[in-house]
Amino acid sequence: MESEGWTRLALTAFSTSVGPIWARGAVGAREVCLPCGAGITNDHMASVHGGALMTFADIALGVAVVDAIGAPLCSTAQLQYHFAAAVKVGDLLLCKPEIVRKTRRMIFVRGLFRVGDDTVGSADAMYNVFEPRA
């Protein structure tokens, strides 16, 4: 991944449960990637669990939000994920998040989730923005 310009995101706690997540590109125009491993599949069907896809969506869209405000001072207020196709073990799931609107207290963001040339999902979300603590 690194040889293709990807940098592993420094995640902690629950965010690490879906596996390593990678990003590349300039701030404000990043692409975020999840290599889908066996640890995030359903117990049946050999497809990636919907909860793992939604966790990745929250992180991927959150990358754009943190880029927009310059610090991790936000929380998810709402997240909606639309499942369009199954994601399989071994797939590289990609998202290019896009800021739709930014206010002082809220940021609206969306993204398409792709495996190769196929769109497998889409998401939109709202994030609360917090003031830095003094």
N, C-alpha and C. Protein backbone atom coordinates (compact mmCIF):
# COMPACT_ATOMS: atom_id res chain seq x y z
N MET A 1 0.84 -1.19 0.00
CA MET A 1 0.00 0.00 0.00
C MET A 1 0.89 1.26 0.00
N GLU A 2 1.92 1.25 0.83
CA GLU A 2 2.79 2.42 0.92
C GLU A 2 3.46 2.75 -0.41
N SER A 3 3.81 1.73 -1.18
CA SER A 3 4.46 1.96 -2.47
C SER A 3 3.52 2.64 -3.48
N GLU A 4 2.21 2.60 -3.20
CA GLU A 4 1.23 3.26 -4.06
C GLU A 4 0.76 4.58 -3.49
N GLY A 5 1.49 5.11 -2.49
CA GLY A 5 1.18 6.42 -1.93
C GLY A 5 0.21 6.44 -0.77
N TRP A 6 -0.16 5.27 -0.27
CA TRP A 6 -1.09 5.19 0.86
C TRP A 6 -0.34 5.36 2.17
N THR A 7 -1.00 6.00 3.14
CA THR A 7 -0.49 6.13 4.50
C THR A 7 -1.53 5.53 5.44
N ARG A 8 -1.06 4.69 6.35
CA ARG A 8 -1.98 4.05 7.31
C ARG A 8 -2.47 5.09 8.31
N LEU A 9 -3.78 5.15 8.51
CA LEU A 9 -4.33 6.08 9.50
C LEU A 9 -4.01 5.58 10.91
N ALA A 10 -3.69 6.51 11.78
CA ALA A 10 -3.40 6.18 13.18
C ALA A 10 -4.72 6.12 13.95
N LEU A 11 -5.30 4.94 13.99
CA LEU A 11 -6.59 4.75 14.66
C LEU A 11 -6.38 4.11 16.02
N THR A 12 -7.34 4.33 16.91
CA THR A 12 -7.29 3.71 18.24
C THR A 12 -8.67 3.18 18.58
N ALA A 13 -8.72 2.44 19.65
CA ALA A 13 -9.96 1.92 20.24
C ALA A 13 -10.83 1.21 19.21
N PHE A 14 -12.13 1.47 19.21
CA PHE A 14 -13.07 0.74 18.36
C PHE A 14 -12.74 0.86 16.88
N SER A 15 -12.22 1.99 16.46
CA SER A 15 -11.92 2.20 15.03
C SER A 15 -10.96 1.16 14.47
N THR A 16 -10.17 0.54 15.32
CA THR A 16 -9.23 -0.48 14.84
C THR A 16 -9.92 -1.81 14.55
N SER A 17 -11.19 -1.95 14.94
CA SER A 17 -11.87 -3.24 14.81
C SER A 17 -12.10 -3.68 13.36
N VAL A 18 -12.10 -2.75 12.42
CA VAL A 18 -12.32 -3.13 11.02
C VAL A 18 -11.01 -3.40 10.29
N GLY A 19 -9.90 -3.18 10.96
CA GLY A 19 -8.60 -3.45 10.35
C GLY A 19 -7.90 -2.17 9.96
N PRO A 20 -6.73 -2.27 9.38
CA PRO A 20 -6.02 -1.05 9.00
C PRO A 20 -6.80 -0.30 7.91
N ILE A 21 -6.82 1.01 8.04
CA ILE A 21 -7.46 1.90 7.06
C ILE A 21 -6.38 2.83 6.54
N TRP A 22 -6.40 3.06 5.25
CA TRP A 22 -5.35 3.82 4.58
C TRP A 22 -5.94 5.05 3.90
N ALA A 23 -5.12 6.09 3.74
CA ALA A 23 -5.54 7.30 3.03
C ALA A 23 -4.40 7.79 2.16
N ARG A 24 -4.77 8.48 1.09
CA ARG A 24 -3.78 9.14 0.24
C ARG A 24 -4.44 10.35 -0.40
N GLY A 25 -3.58 11.25 -0.88
CA GLY A 25 -4.07 12.46 -1.52
C GLY A 25 -3.90 13.66 -0.63
N ALA A 26 -4.16 14.81 -1.18
CA ALA A 26 -4.01 16.08 -0.46
C ALA A 26 -5.16 16.28 0.52
N VAL A 27 -4.88 17.04 1.57
CA VAL A 27 -5.92 17.40 2.53
C VAL A 27 -7.08 18.05 1.77
N GLY A 28 -8.29 17.59 2.04
CA GLY A 28 -9.46 18.10 1.36
C GLY A 28 -9.81 17.34 0.09
N ALA A 29 -8.93 16.45 -0.34
CA ALA A 29 -9.18 15.66 -1.56
C ALA A 29 -8.64 14.25 -1.37
N ARG A 30 -8.87 13.70 -0.21
CA ARG A 30 -8.32 12.38 0.10
C ARG A 30 -9.17 11.25 -0.46
N GLU A 31 -8.51 10.13 -0.62
CA GLU A 31 -9.15 8.85 -0.93
C GLU A 31 -8.84 7.96 0.26
N VAL A 32 -9.83 7.22 0.75
CA VAL A 32 -9.67 6.39 1.93
C VAL A 32 -9.96 4.94 1.52
N CYS A 33 -9.15 4.00 2.04
CA CYS A 33 -9.22 2.61 1.59
C CYS A 33 -9.26 1.64 2.77
N LEU A 34 -10.09 0.62 2.62
CA LEU A 34 -10.15 -0.49 3.58
C LEU A 34 -9.87 -1.78 2.83
N PRO A 35 -8.71 -2.43 3.08
CA PRO A 35 -8.50 -3.77 2.55
C PRO A 35 -9.36 -4.74 3.39
N CYS A 36 -10.29 -5.42 2.76
CA CYS A 36 -11.28 -6.22 3.48
C CYS A 36 -10.74 -7.61 3.80
N GLY A 37 -10.47 -7.84 5.07
CA GLY A 37 -9.94 -9.11 5.53
C GLY A 37 -11.03 -10.02 6.09
N ALA A 38 -10.65 -11.25 6.37
CA ALA A 38 -11.60 -12.26 6.85
C ALA A 38 -12.19 -11.91 8.21
N GLY A 39 -11.52 -11.10 9.01
CA GLY A 39 -11.99 -10.78 10.35
C GLY A 39 -13.22 -9.90 10.41
N ILE A 40 -13.67 -9.35 9.26
CA ILE A 40 -14.83 -8.46 9.28
C ILE A 40 -16.01 -9.01 8.46
N THR A 41 -16.00 -10.32 8.23
CA THR A 41 -17.08 -10.91 7.44
C THR A 41 -18.26 -11.33 8.30
N ASN A 42 -19.38 -11.57 7.63
CA ASN A 42 -20.53 -12.20 8.27
C ASN A 42 -20.13 -13.63 8.64
N ASP A 43 -20.87 -14.24 9.53
CA ASP A 43 -20.61 -15.64 9.86
C ASP A 43 -21.01 -16.56 8.70
N HIS A 44 -21.73 -16.01 7.76
CA HIS A 44 -22.18 -16.77 6.59
C HIS A 44 -22.00 -15.89 5.34
N MET A 45 -22.12 -16.43 4.19
CA MET A 45 -22.11 -15.71 2.92
C MET A 45 -20.75 -15.15 2.50
N ALA A 46 -19.73 -15.19 3.33
CA ALA A 46 -18.39 -14.72 3.00
C ALA A 46 -18.36 -13.28 2.49
N SER A 47 -19.27 -12.47 2.98
CA SER A 47 -19.26 -11.04 2.62
C SER A 47 -18.95 -10.21 3.86
N VAL A 48 -18.51 -8.98 3.63
CA VAL A 48 -18.16 -8.09 4.73
C VAL A 48 -19.43 -7.69 5.48
N HIS A 49 -19.35 -7.72 6.79
CA HIS A 49 -20.48 -7.39 7.66
C HIS A 49 -20.90 -5.94 7.47
N GLY A 50 -22.20 -5.69 7.44
CA GLY A 50 -22.73 -4.34 7.28
C GLY A 50 -22.25 -3.38 8.34
N GLY A 51 -22.07 -3.87 9.56
CA GLY A 51 -21.57 -3.01 10.63
C GLY A 51 -20.14 -2.55 10.37
N ALA A 52 -19.34 -3.44 9.78
CA ALA A 52 -17.96 -3.06 9.41
C ALA A 52 -17.98 -2.02 8.30
N LEU A 53 -18.90 -2.17 7.33
CA LEU A 53 -19.01 -1.19 6.25
C LEU A 53 -19.42 0.17 6.79
N MET A 54 -20.35 0.18 7.74
CA MET A 54 -20.79 1.45 8.32
C MET A 54 -19.69 2.08 9.19
N THR A 55 -18.92 1.26 9.88
CA THR A 55 -17.80 1.79 10.66
C THR A 55 -16.78 2.42 9.73
N PHE A 56 -16.46 1.73 8.63
CA PHE A 56 -15.53 2.30 7.65
C PHE A 56 -16.09 3.59 7.07
N ALA A 57 -17.39 3.62 6.77
CA ALA A 57 -18.01 4.84 6.23
C ALA A 57 -17.86 6.00 7.20
N ASP A 58 -18.10 5.74 8.48
CA ASP A 58 -17.97 6.79 9.49
C ASP A 58 -16.54 7.32 9.55
N ILE A 59 -15.57 6.44 9.47
CA ILE A 59 -14.16 6.85 9.51
C ILE A 59 -13.80 7.59 8.23
N ALA A 60 -14.18 7.05 7.08
CA ALA A 60 -13.83 7.68 5.79
C ALA A 60 -14.42 9.07 5.66
N LEU A 61 -15.71 9.22 5.99
CA LEU A 61 -16.33 10.54 5.92
C LEU A 61 -15.74 11.46 6.98
N GLY A 62 -15.42 10.89 8.14
CA GLY A 62 -14.79 11.67 9.21
C GLY A 62 -13.44 12.24 8.82
N VAL A 63 -12.70 11.53 7.96
CA VAL A 63 -11.42 12.05 7.47
C VAL A 63 -11.63 13.39 6.78
N ALA A 64 -12.65 13.50 5.96
CA ALA A 64 -12.94 14.76 5.26
C ALA A 64 -13.33 15.86 6.24
N VAL A 65 -14.07 15.48 7.29
CA VAL A 65 -14.50 16.46 8.29
C VAL A 65 -13.28 16.99 9.06
N VAL A 66 -12.42 16.10 9.51
CA VAL A 66 -11.21 16.52 10.23
C VAL A 66 -10.33 17.39 9.33
N ASP A 67 -10.21 17.02 8.06
CA ASP A 67 -9.47 17.87 7.11
C ASP A 67 -10.08 19.26 7.04
N ALA A 68 -11.42 19.34 7.01
CA ALA A 68 -12.11 20.62 6.86
C ALA A 68 -11.96 21.54 8.07
N ILE A 69 -11.87 20.94 9.27
CA ILE A 69 -11.77 21.78 10.47
C ILE A 69 -10.36 21.82 11.05
N GLY A 70 -9.48 20.97 10.55
CA GLY A 70 -8.08 21.01 10.96
C GLY A 70 -7.77 20.33 12.28
N ALA A 71 -8.73 19.65 12.88
CA ALA A 71 -8.51 18.97 14.16
C ALA A 71 -9.62 17.95 14.38
N PRO A 72 -9.38 16.91 15.18
CA PRO A 72 -10.42 15.91 15.44
C PRO A 72 -11.39 16.37 16.53
N LEU A 73 -12.04 17.49 16.30
CA LEU A 73 -12.98 18.05 17.27
C LEU A 73 -14.41 17.91 16.74
N CYS A 74 -14.81 16.66 16.52
CA CYS A 74 -16.13 16.43 15.94
C CYS A 74 -16.68 15.09 16.43
N SER A 75 -17.98 14.93 16.24
CA SER A 75 -18.62 13.63 16.51
C SER A 75 -19.73 13.44 15.48
N THR A 76 -20.03 12.21 15.22
CA THR A 76 -21.07 11.88 14.25
C THR A 76 -22.44 12.18 14.85
N ALA A 77 -23.23 12.99 14.16
CA ALA A 77 -24.59 13.29 14.60
C ALA A 77 -25.58 12.37 13.89
N GLN A 78 -25.29 12.03 12.64
CA GLN A 78 -26.16 11.17 11.85
C GLN A 78 -25.33 10.54 10.75
N LEU A 79 -25.59 9.27 10.48
CA LEU A 79 -24.91 8.56 9.39
C LEU A 79 -25.92 7.64 8.74
N GLN A 80 -26.02 7.73 7.41
CA GLN A 80 -26.91 6.85 6.66
C GLN A 80 -26.08 6.16 5.59
N TYR A 81 -26.12 4.84 5.56
CA TYR A 81 -25.37 4.07 4.58
C TYR A 81 -26.37 3.29 3.73
N HIS A 82 -26.17 3.34 2.42
CA HIS A 82 -27.02 2.62 1.48
C HIS A 82 -26.21 1.47 0.89
N PHE A 83 -26.63 0.25 1.13
CA PHE A 83 -25.96 -0.94 0.63
C PHE A 83 -26.41 -1.20 -0.80
N ALA A 84 -25.47 -1.23 -1.75
CA ALA A 84 -25.82 -1.45 -3.15
C ALA A 84 -25.36 -2.82 -3.66
N ALA A 85 -24.29 -3.35 -3.08
CA ALA A 85 -23.77 -4.66 -3.49
C ALA A 85 -22.90 -5.22 -2.37
N ALA A 86 -22.72 -6.53 -2.38
CA ALA A 86 -21.90 -7.18 -1.38
C ALA A 86 -20.43 -6.83 -1.58
N VAL A 87 -19.70 -6.76 -0.47
CA VAL A 87 -18.25 -6.57 -0.49
C VAL A 87 -17.66 -7.88 0.02
N LYS A 88 -16.68 -8.40 -0.68
CA LYS A 88 -16.12 -9.72 -0.38
C LYS A 88 -14.74 -9.61 0.26
N VAL A 89 -14.33 -10.68 0.92
CA VAL A 89 -12.97 -10.78 1.46
C VAL A 89 -11.98 -10.62 0.31
N GLY A 90 -10.96 -9.81 0.53
CA GLY A 90 -9.95 -9.55 -0.48
C GLY A 90 -10.21 -8.29 -1.29
N ASP A 91 -11.42 -7.75 -1.21
CA ASP A 91 -11.72 -6.51 -1.92
C ASP A 91 -11.01 -5.32 -1.28
N LEU A 92 -10.66 -4.34 -2.10
CA LEU A 92 -10.19 -3.04 -1.61
C LEU A 92 -11.36 -2.08 -1.75
N LEU A 93 -11.88 -1.64 -0.63
CA LEU A 93 -13.04 -0.75 -0.60
C LEU A 93 -12.53 0.69 -0.53
N LEU A 94 -12.94 1.52 -1.50
CA LEU A 94 -12.44 2.89 -1.60
C LEU A 94 -13.57 3.90 -1.45
N CYS A 95 -13.23 5.04 -0.86
CA CYS A 95 -14.16 6.16 -0.74
C CYS A 95 -13.41 7.46 -0.95
N LYS A 96 -14.00 8.38 -1.71
CA LYS A 96 -13.50 9.75 -1.84
C LYS A 96 -14.56 10.65 -1.21
N PRO A 97 -14.43 10.93 0.09
CA PRO A 97 -15.46 11.72 0.77
C PRO A 97 -15.50 13.16 0.24
N GLU A 98 -16.69 13.74 0.31
CA GLU A 98 -16.91 15.09 -0.21
C GLU A 98 -17.71 15.91 0.81
N ILE A 99 -17.19 17.07 1.14
CA ILE A 99 -17.93 17.99 2.01
C ILE A 99 -19.04 18.62 1.18
N VAL A 100 -20.26 18.55 1.70
CA VAL A 100 -21.42 19.12 1.03
C VAL A 100 -21.67 20.55 1.52
N ARG A 101 -21.59 20.74 2.84
CA ARG A 101 -21.82 22.05 3.45
C ARG A 101 -21.13 22.09 4.80
N LYS A 102 -20.62 23.26 5.12
CA LYS A 102 -19.95 23.45 6.41
C LYS A 102 -20.52 24.71 7.05
N THR A 103 -20.97 24.55 8.31
CA THR A 103 -21.36 25.70 9.12
C THR A 103 -20.44 25.74 10.33
N ARG A 104 -20.67 26.68 11.20
CA ARG A 104 -19.81 26.78 12.37
C ARG A 104 -19.93 25.56 13.28
N ARG A 105 -21.09 24.96 13.35
CA ARG A 105 -21.34 23.85 14.27
C ARG A 105 -21.60 22.49 13.61
N MET A 106 -21.84 22.48 12.29
CA MET A 106 -22.18 21.22 11.62
C MET A 106 -21.44 21.13 10.28
N ILE A 107 -21.10 19.89 9.92
CA ILE A 107 -20.54 19.63 8.60
C ILE A 107 -21.32 18.47 7.99
N PHE A 108 -21.72 18.66 6.74
CA PHE A 108 -22.46 17.66 5.99
C PHE A 108 -21.51 17.07 4.96
N VAL A 109 -21.46 15.74 4.88
CA VAL A 109 -20.48 15.07 4.02
C VAL A 109 -21.13 13.84 3.38
N ARG A 110 -20.61 13.45 2.21
CA ARG A 110 -21.14 12.27 1.54
C ARG A 110 -20.01 11.55 0.82
N GLY A 111 -20.28 10.32 0.43
CA GLY A 111 -19.27 9.57 -0.31
C GLY A 111 -19.87 8.36 -1.00
N LEU A 112 -19.24 8.00 -2.11
CA LEU A 112 -19.54 6.74 -2.78
C LEU A 112 -18.48 5.73 -2.38
N PHE A 113 -18.87 4.48 -2.22
CA PHE A 113 -17.96 3.42 -1.83
C PHE A 113 -17.86 2.46 -3.00
N ARG A 114 -16.61 2.24 -3.44
CA ARG A 114 -16.37 1.49 -4.67
C ARG A 114 -15.39 0.35 -4.45
N VAL A 115 -15.60 -0.70 -5.19
CA VAL A 115 -14.64 -1.79 -5.33
C VAL A 115 -14.35 -1.86 -6.83
N GLY A 116 -13.13 -1.48 -7.20
CA GLY A 116 -12.82 -1.38 -8.63
C GLY A 116 -13.70 -0.32 -9.26
N ASP A 117 -14.37 -0.68 -10.34
CA ASP A 117 -15.26 0.25 -11.04
C ASP A 117 -16.70 0.17 -10.55
N ASP A 118 -16.98 -0.71 -9.58
CA ASP A 118 -18.34 -0.92 -9.11
C ASP A 118 -18.65 -0.12 -7.85
N THR A 119 -19.77 0.59 -7.85
CA THR A 119 -20.26 1.26 -6.65
C THR A 119 -20.98 0.21 -5.81
N VAL A 120 -20.52 0.03 -4.57
CA VAL A 120 -21.12 -0.98 -3.69
C VAL A 120 -21.93 -0.34 -2.56
N GLY A 121 -21.83 0.98 -2.42
CA GLY A 121 -22.57 1.67 -1.38
C GLY A 121 -22.41 3.17 -1.48
N SER A 122 -23.23 3.86 -0.72
CA SER A 122 -23.11 5.31 -0.61
C SER A 122 -23.49 5.70 0.81
N ALA A 123 -23.01 6.84 1.24
CA ALA A 123 -23.32 7.29 2.60
C ALA A 123 -23.38 8.80 2.63
N ASP A 124 -24.18 9.30 3.55
CA ASP A 124 -24.17 10.72 3.86
C ASP A 124 -24.25 10.85 5.37
N ALA A 125 -23.67 11.92 5.87
CA ALA A 125 -23.59 12.08 7.32
C ALA A 125 -23.55 13.54 7.71
N MET A 126 -23.88 13.78 8.97
CA MET A 126 -23.73 15.09 9.60
C MET A 126 -22.82 14.90 10.81
N TYR A 127 -21.89 15.81 10.99
CA TYR A 127 -20.97 15.78 12.13
C TYR A 127 -21.10 17.06 12.93
N ASN A 128 -21.14 16.93 14.26
CA ASN A 128 -21.08 18.08 15.15
C ASN A 128 -19.65 18.56 15.23
N VAL A 129 -19.45 19.86 15.24
CA VAL A 129 -18.12 20.45 15.40
C VAL A 129 -18.07 21.09 16.79
N PHE A 130 -17.01 20.80 17.53
CA PHE A 130 -16.85 21.32 18.88
C PHE A 130 -15.75 22.38 18.93
N GLU A 131 -15.90 23.30 19.86
CA GLU A 131 -14.87 24.31 20.10
C GLU A 131 -13.72 23.65 20.85
N PRO A 132 -12.48 24.05 20.56
CA PRO A 132 -11.34 23.50 21.34
C PRO A 132 -11.49 23.87 22.81
N ARG A 133 -11.10 22.96 23.66
CA ARG A 133 -11.14 23.24 25.11
C ARG A 133 -9.93 24.08 25.48
N ALA A 134 -10.16 25.03 26.34
CA ALA A 134 -9.07 25.92 26.77
C ALA A 134 -8.23 25.28 27.84
